[in-house]
Amino acid sequence: EASTSSEVLFIEEMSLLENFKKHP
């Protein structure tokens, strides 16, 4: 839960997986 007004950047699973492949 947001305990204050907050800004969150979400990184999707597939995007992260592709990044893992390029950058072990």
PDB file of all heavy atoms in Angstrom:
ATOM      1  N   GLU A   1       0.839  -1.204   0.000  1.00  0.00           N
ATOM      2  CA  GLU A   1       0.000   0.000   0.000  1.00  0.00           C
ATOM      3  C   GLU A   1       0.871   1.250   0.000  1.00  0.00           C
ATOM      4  O   GLU A   1       1.953   1.262   0.602  1.00  0.00           O
ATOM      5  CB  GLU A   1      -0.891  -0.034   1.243  1.00  0.00           C
ATOM      6  CG  GLU A   1      -1.857   1.119   1.380  1.00  0.00           C
ATOM      7  CD  GLU A   1      -2.681   0.987   2.651  1.00  0.00           C
ATOM      8  OE1 GLU A   1      -3.505   0.047   2.739  1.00  0.00           O
ATOM      9  OE2 GLU A   1      -2.491   1.821   3.566  1.00  0.00           O
ATOM     10  N   ALA A   2       0.413   2.286  -0.666  1.00  0.00           N
ATOM     11  CA  ALA A   2       1.134   3.559  -0.664  1.00  0.00           C
ATOM     12  C   ALA A   2       0.902   4.261   0.671  1.00  0.00           C
ATOM     13  O   ALA A   2      -0.235   4.553   1.031  1.00  0.00           O
ATOM     14  CB  ALA A   2       0.661   4.440  -1.814  1.00  0.00           C
ATOM     15  N   SER A   3       1.968   4.498   1.413  1.00  0.00           N
ATOM     16  CA  SER A   3       1.843   5.196   2.699  1.00  0.00           C
ATOM     17  C   SER A   3       1.935   6.711   2.529  1.00  0.00           C
ATOM     18  O   SER A   3       1.582   7.468   3.429  1.00  0.00           O
ATOM     19  CB  SER A   3       2.912   4.708   3.688  1.00  0.00           C
ATOM     20  OG  SER A   3       4.196   4.738   3.112  1.00  0.00           O
ATOM     21  N   THR A   4       2.407   7.145   1.359  1.00  0.00           N
ATOM     22  CA  THR A   4       2.383   8.557   0.967  1.00  0.00           C
ATOM     23  C   THR A   4       2.093   8.588  -0.528  1.00  0.00           C
ATOM     24  O   THR A   4       2.088   7.547  -1.188  1.00  0.00           O
ATOM     25  CB  THR A   4       3.735   9.257   1.225  1.00  0.00           C
ATOM     26  OG1 THR A   4       4.730   8.687   0.356  1.00  0.00           O
ATOM     27  CG2 THR A   4       4.180   9.113   2.666  1.00  0.00           C
ATOM     28  N   SER A   5       1.869   9.747  -1.072  1.00  0.00           N
ATOM     29  CA  SER A   5       1.758   9.866  -2.522  1.00  0.00           C
ATOM     30  C   SER A   5       3.065   9.363  -3.133  1.00  0.00           C
ATOM     31  O   SER A   5       4.144   9.805  -2.732  1.00  0.00           O
ATOM     32  CB  SER A   5       1.508  11.323  -2.909  1.00  0.00           C
ATOM     33  OG  SER A   5       1.441  11.459  -4.311  1.00  0.00           O
ATOM     34  N   SER A   6       2.975   8.436  -4.073  1.00  0.00           N
ATOM     35  CA  SER A   6       4.189   7.764  -4.560  1.00  0.00           C
ATOM     36  C   SER A   6       4.152   7.582  -6.074  1.00  0.00           C
ATOM     37  O   SER A   6       3.088   7.505  -6.686  1.00  0.00           O
ATOM     38  CB  SER A   6       4.323   6.380  -3.901  1.00  0.00           C
ATOM     39  OG  SER A   6       4.319   6.483  -2.497  1.00  0.00           O
ATOM     40  N   GLU A   7       5.344   7.498  -6.632  1.00  0.00           N
ATOM     41  CA  GLU A   7       5.505   7.252  -8.058  1.00  0.00           C
ATOM     42  C   GLU A   7       6.337   5.986  -8.234  1.00  0.00           C
ATOM     43  O   GLU A   7       7.420   5.865  -7.660  1.00  0.00           O
ATOM     44  CB  GLU A   7       6.200   8.446  -8.724  1.00  0.00           C
ATOM     45  CG  GLU A   7       6.149   8.428 -10.239  1.00  0.00           C
ATOM     46  CD  GLU A   7       6.753   9.684 -10.845  1.00  0.00           C
ATOM     47  OE1 GLU A   7       7.739  10.204 -10.282  1.00  0.00           O
ATOM     48  OE2 GLU A   7       6.255  10.139 -11.883  1.00  0.00           O
ATOM     49  N   VAL A   8       5.805   5.043  -9.011  1.00  0.00           N
ATOM     50  CA  VAL A   8       6.449   3.733  -9.171  1.00  0.00           C
ATOM     51  C   VAL A   8       6.666   3.423 -10.643  1.00  0.00           C
ATOM     52  O   VAL A   8       5.761   3.589 -11.474  1.00  0.00           O
ATOM     53  CB  VAL A   8       5.591   2.613  -8.541  1.00  0.00           C
ATOM     54  CG1 VAL A   8       6.249   1.245  -8.763  1.00  0.00           C
ATOM     55  CG2 VAL A   8       5.385   2.873  -7.048  1.00  0.00           C
ATOM     56  N   LEU A   9       7.867   2.979 -10.957  1.00  0.00           N
ATOM     57  CA  LEU A   9       8.197   2.536 -12.310  1.00  0.00           C
ATOM     58  C   LEU A   9       8.149   1.009 -12.330  1.00  0.00           C
ATOM     59  O   LEU A   9       8.873   0.357 -11.581  1.00  0.00           O
ATOM     60  CB  LEU A   9       9.596   3.017 -12.697  1.00  0.00           C
ATOM     61  CG  LEU A   9      10.095   2.644 -14.094  1.00  0.00           C
ATOM     62  CD1 LEU A   9       9.278   3.388 -15.155  1.00  0.00           C
ATOM     63  CD2 LEU A   9      11.567   2.991 -14.242  1.00  0.00           C
ATOM     64  N   PHE A  10       7.271   0.437 -13.159  1.00  0.00           N
ATOM     65  CA  PHE A  10       7.151  -1.012 -13.251  1.00  0.00           C
ATOM     66  C   PHE A  10       7.959  -1.543 -14.427  1.00  0.00           C
ATOM     67  O   PHE A  10       7.893  -0.996 -15.532  1.00  0.00           O
ATOM     68  CB  PHE A  10       5.681  -1.429 -13.406  1.00  0.00           C
ATOM     69  CG  PHE A  10       4.856  -1.205 -12.169  1.00  0.00           C
ATOM     70  CD1 PHE A  10       4.057  -0.079 -12.044  1.00  0.00           C
ATOM     71  CD2 PHE A  10       4.910  -2.119 -11.124  1.00  0.00           C
ATOM     72  CE1 PHE A  10       3.304   0.130 -10.899  1.00  0.00           C
ATOM     73  CE2 PHE A  10       4.160  -1.919  -9.966  1.00  0.00           C
ATOM     74  CZ  PHE A  10       3.356  -0.789  -9.863  1.00  0.00           C
ATOM     75  N   ILE A  11       8.710  -2.617 -14.180  1.00  0.00           N
ATOM     76  CA  ILE A  11       9.484  -3.274 -15.229  1.00  0.00           C
ATOM     77  C   ILE A  11       8.889  -4.665 -15.420  1.00  0.00           C
ATOM     78  O   ILE A  11       8.915  -5.497 -14.509  1.00  0.00           O
ATOM     79  CB  ILE A  11      10.973  -3.392 -14.856  1.00  0.00           C
ATOM     80  CG1 ILE A  11      11.542  -2.002 -14.553  1.00  0.00           C
ATOM     81  CG2 ILE A  11      11.753  -4.066 -15.978  1.00  0.00           C
ATOM     82  CD1 ILE A  11      12.975  -2.032 -14.029  1.00  0.00           C
ATOM     83  N   GLU A  12       8.329  -4.904 -16.584  1.00  0.00           N
ATOM     84  CA  GLU A  12       7.623  -6.148 -16.848  1.00  0.00           C
ATOM     85  C   GLU A  12       8.572  -7.347 -16.928  1.00  0.00           C
ATOM     86  O   GLU A  12       9.745  -7.216 -17.271  1.00  0.00           O
ATOM     87  CB  GLU A  12       6.820  -6.030 -18.142  1.00  0.00           C
ATOM     88  CG  GLU A  12       5.731  -4.962 -18.088  1.00  0.00           C
ATOM     89  CD  GLU A  12       4.992  -4.823 -19.398  1.00  0.00           C
ATOM     90  OE1 GLU A  12       5.315  -5.572 -20.356  1.00  0.00           O
ATOM     91  OE2 GLU A  12       4.102  -3.950 -19.475  1.00  0.00           O
ATOM     92  N   GLU A  13       8.012  -8.500 -16.623  1.00  0.00           N
ATOM     93  CA  GLU A  13       8.789  -9.739 -16.580  1.00  0.00           C
ATOM     94  C   GLU A  13       9.545  -9.991 -17.886  1.00  0.00           C
ATOM     95  O   GLU A  13      10.739 -10.300 -17.871  1.00  0.00           O
ATOM     96  CB  GLU A  13       7.837 -10.904 -16.292  1.00  0.00           C
ATOM     97  CG  GLU A  13       8.501 -12.260 -16.202  1.00  0.00           C
ATOM     98  CD  GLU A  13       7.498 -13.352 -15.914  1.00  0.00           C
ATOM     99  OE1 GLU A  13       7.025 -13.442 -14.765  1.00  0.00           O
ATOM    100  OE2 GLU A  13       7.171 -14.110 -16.855  1.00  0.00           O
ATOM    101  N   MET A  14       8.862  -9.872 -19.030  1.00  0.00           N
ATOM    102  CA  MET A  14       9.498 -10.162 -20.313  1.00  0.00           C
ATOM    103  C   MET A  14      10.602  -9.154 -20.628  1.00  0.00           C
ATOM    104  O   MET A  14      11.644  -9.520 -21.183  1.00  0.00           O
ATOM    105  CB  MET A  14       8.459 -10.183 -21.435  1.00  0.00           C
ATOM    106  CG  MET A  14       7.524 -11.385 -21.378  1.00  0.00           C
ATOM    107  SD  MET A  14       8.417 -12.970 -21.281  1.00  0.00           S
ATOM    108  CE  MET A  14       9.353 -12.921 -22.815  1.00  0.00           C
ATOM    109  N   SER A  15      10.378  -7.903 -20.264  1.00  0.00           N
ATOM    110  CA  SER A  15      11.400  -6.881 -20.481  1.00  0.00           C
ATOM    111  C   SER A  15      12.644  -7.184 -19.658  1.00  0.00           C
ATOM    112  O   SER A  15      13.779  -7.062 -20.137  1.00  0.00           O
ATOM    113  CB  SER A  15      10.843  -5.510 -20.108  1.00  0.00           C
ATOM    114  OG  SER A  15      11.825  -4.512 -20.252  1.00  0.00           O
ATOM    115  N   LEU A  16      12.418  -7.607 -18.416  1.00  0.00           N
ATOM    116  CA  LEU A  16      13.540  -7.941 -17.542  1.00  0.00           C
ATOM    117  C   LEU A  16      14.269  -9.184 -18.046  1.00  0.00           C
ATOM    118  O   LEU A  16      15.506  -9.248 -18.025  1.00  0.00           O
ATOM    119  CB  LEU A  16      13.023  -8.171 -16.121  1.00  0.00           C
ATOM    120  CG  LEU A  16      14.057  -8.187 -14.999  1.00  0.00           C
ATOM    121  CD1 LEU A  16      14.821  -6.880 -14.944  1.00  0.00           C
ATOM    122  CD2 LEU A  16      13.389  -8.455 -13.657  1.00  0.00           C
ATOM    123  N   LEU A  17      13.523 -10.159 -18.515  1.00  0.00           N
ATOM    124  CA  LEU A  17      14.128 -11.384 -19.026  1.00  0.00           C
ATOM    125  C   LEU A  17      15.012 -11.100 -20.237  1.00  0.00           C
ATOM    126  O   LEU A  17      16.123 -11.641 -20.348  1.00  0.00           O
ATOM    127  CB  LEU A  17      13.034 -12.396 -19.388  1.00  0.00           C
ATOM    128  CG  LEU A  17      13.492 -13.792 -19.805  1.00  0.00           C
ATOM    129  CD1 LEU A  17      14.308 -14.448 -18.698  1.00  0.00           C
ATOM    130  CD2 LEU A  17      12.298 -14.664 -20.169  1.00  0.00           C
ATOM    131  N   GLU A  18      14.542 -10.257 -21.134  1.00  0.00           N
ATOM    132  CA  GLU A  18      15.338  -9.881 -22.298  1.00  0.00           C
ATOM    133  C   GLU A  18      16.614  -9.160 -21.868  1.00  0.00           C
ATOM    134  O   GLU A  18      17.677  -9.342 -22.448  1.00  0.00           O
ATOM    135  CB  GLU A  18      14.513  -8.993 -23.231  1.00  0.00           C
ATOM    136  CG  GLU A  18      13.441  -9.725 -24.014  1.00  0.00           C
ATOM    137  CD  GLU A  18      14.019 -10.827 -24.887  1.00  0.00           C
ATOM    138  OE1 GLU A  18      15.035 -10.575 -25.565  1.00  0.00           O
ATOM    139  OE2 GLU A  18      13.459 -11.942 -24.888  1.00  0.00           O
ATOM    140  N   ASN A  19      16.489  -8.357 -20.812  1.00  0.00           N
ATOM    141  CA  ASN A  19      17.656  -7.640 -20.305  1.00  0.00           C
ATOM    142  C   ASN A  19      18.661  -8.601 -19.687  1.00  0.00           C
ATOM    143  O   ASN A  19      19.877  -8.427 -19.818  1.00  0.00           O
ATOM    144  CB  ASN A  19      17.211  -6.598 -19.278  1.00  0.00           C
ATOM    145  CG  ASN A  19      18.219  -5.494 -19.095  1.00  0.00           C
ATOM    146  OD1 ASN A  19      19.042  -5.556 -18.185  1.00  0.00           O
ATOM    147  ND2 ASN A  19      18.180  -4.480 -19.953  1.00  0.00           N
ATOM    148  N   PHE A  20      18.161  -9.632 -19.013  1.00  0.00           N
ATOM    149  CA  PHE A  20      19.038 -10.665 -18.449  1.00  0.00           C
ATOM    150  C   PHE A  20      19.870 -11.334 -19.548  1.00  0.00           C
ATOM    151  O   PHE A  20      21.054 -11.621 -19.357  1.00  0.00           O
ATOM    152  CB  PHE A  20      18.212 -11.747 -17.751  1.00  0.00           C
ATOM    153  CG  PHE A  20      17.636 -11.334 -16.419  1.00  0.00           C
ATOM    154  CD1 PHE A  20      16.741 -12.169 -15.757  1.00  0.00           C
ATOM    155  CD2 PHE A  20      17.978 -10.134 -15.827  1.00  0.00           C
ATOM    156  CE1 PHE A  20      16.208 -11.812 -14.531  1.00  0.00           C
ATOM    157  CE2 PHE A  20      17.447  -9.764 -14.602  1.00  0.00           C
ATOM    158  CZ  PHE A  20      16.559 -10.604 -13.954  1.00  0.00           C
ATOM    159  N   LYS A  21      19.226 -11.585 -20.691  1.00  0.00           N
ATOM    160  CA  LYS A  21      19.911 -12.264 -21.792  1.00  0.00           C
ATOM    161  C   LYS A  21      21.033 -11.398 -22.362  1.00  0.00           C
ATOM    162  O   LYS A  21      22.110 -11.895 -22.697  1.00  0.00           O
ATOM    163  CB  LYS A  21      18.905 -12.611 -22.895  1.00  0.00           C
ATOM    164  CG  LYS A  21      17.882 -13.665 -22.501  1.00  0.00           C
ATOM    165  CD  LYS A  21      16.883 -13.892 -23.627  1.00  0.00           C
ATOM    166  CE  LYS A  21      15.832 -14.920 -23.241  1.00  0.00           C
ATOM    167  NZ  LYS A  21      14.816 -15.109 -24.315  1.00  0.00           N
ATOM    168  N   LYS A  22      20.762 -10.106 -22.456  1.00  0.00           N
ATOM    169  CA  LYS A  22      21.768  -9.195 -23.023  1.00  0.00           C
ATOM    170  C   LYS A  22      22.843  -8.829 -22.003  1.00  0.00           C
ATOM    171  O   LYS A  22      23.996  -8.582 -22.364  1.00  0.00           O
ATOM    172  CB  LYS A  22      21.089  -7.907 -23.507  1.00  0.00           C
ATOM    173  CG  LYS A  22      20.155  -8.089 -24.683  1.00  0.00           C
ATOM    174  CD  LYS A  22      19.537  -6.741 -25.070  1.00  0.00           C
ATOM    175  CE  LYS A  22      18.563  -6.885 -26.228  1.00  0.00           C
ATOM    176  NZ  LYS A  22      17.933  -5.584 -26.569  1.00  0.00           N
ATOM    177  N   HIS A  23      22.455  -8.829 -20.740  1.00  0.00           N
ATOM    178  CA  HIS A  23      23.371  -8.385 -19.686  1.00  0.00           C
ATOM    179  C   HIS A  23      23.314  -9.381 -18.518  1.00  0.00           C
ATOM    180  O   HIS A  23      22.605  -9.152 -17.536  1.00  0.00           O
ATOM    181  CB  HIS A  23      22.998  -6.980 -19.210  1.00  0.00           C
ATOM    182  CG  HIS A  23      22.962  -5.959 -20.299  1.00  0.00           C
ATOM    183  ND1 HIS A  23      24.096  -5.303 -20.730  1.00  0.00           N
ATOM    184  CD2 HIS A  23      21.937  -5.507 -21.067  1.00  0.00           C
ATOM    185  CE1 HIS A  23      23.765  -4.474 -21.719  1.00  0.00           C
ATOM    186  NE2 HIS A  23      22.472  -4.576 -21.935  1.00  0.00           N
ATOM    187  N   PRO A  24      24.050 -10.483 -18.617  1.00  0.00           N
ATOM    188  CA  PRO A  24      24.018 -11.521 -17.578  1.00  0.00           C
ATOM    189  C   PRO A  24      24.343 -10.997 -16.182  1.00  0.00           C
ATOM    190  O   PRO A  24      23.892 -11.557 -15.183  1.00  0.00           O
ATOM    191  CB  PRO A  24      25.079 -12.520 -18.054  1.00  0.00           C
ATOM    192  CG  PRO A  24      25.166 -12.309 -19.532  1.00  0.00           C
ATOM    193  CD  PRO A  24      24.929 -10.850 -19.737  1.00  0.00           C
TER     194      PRO A  24
END
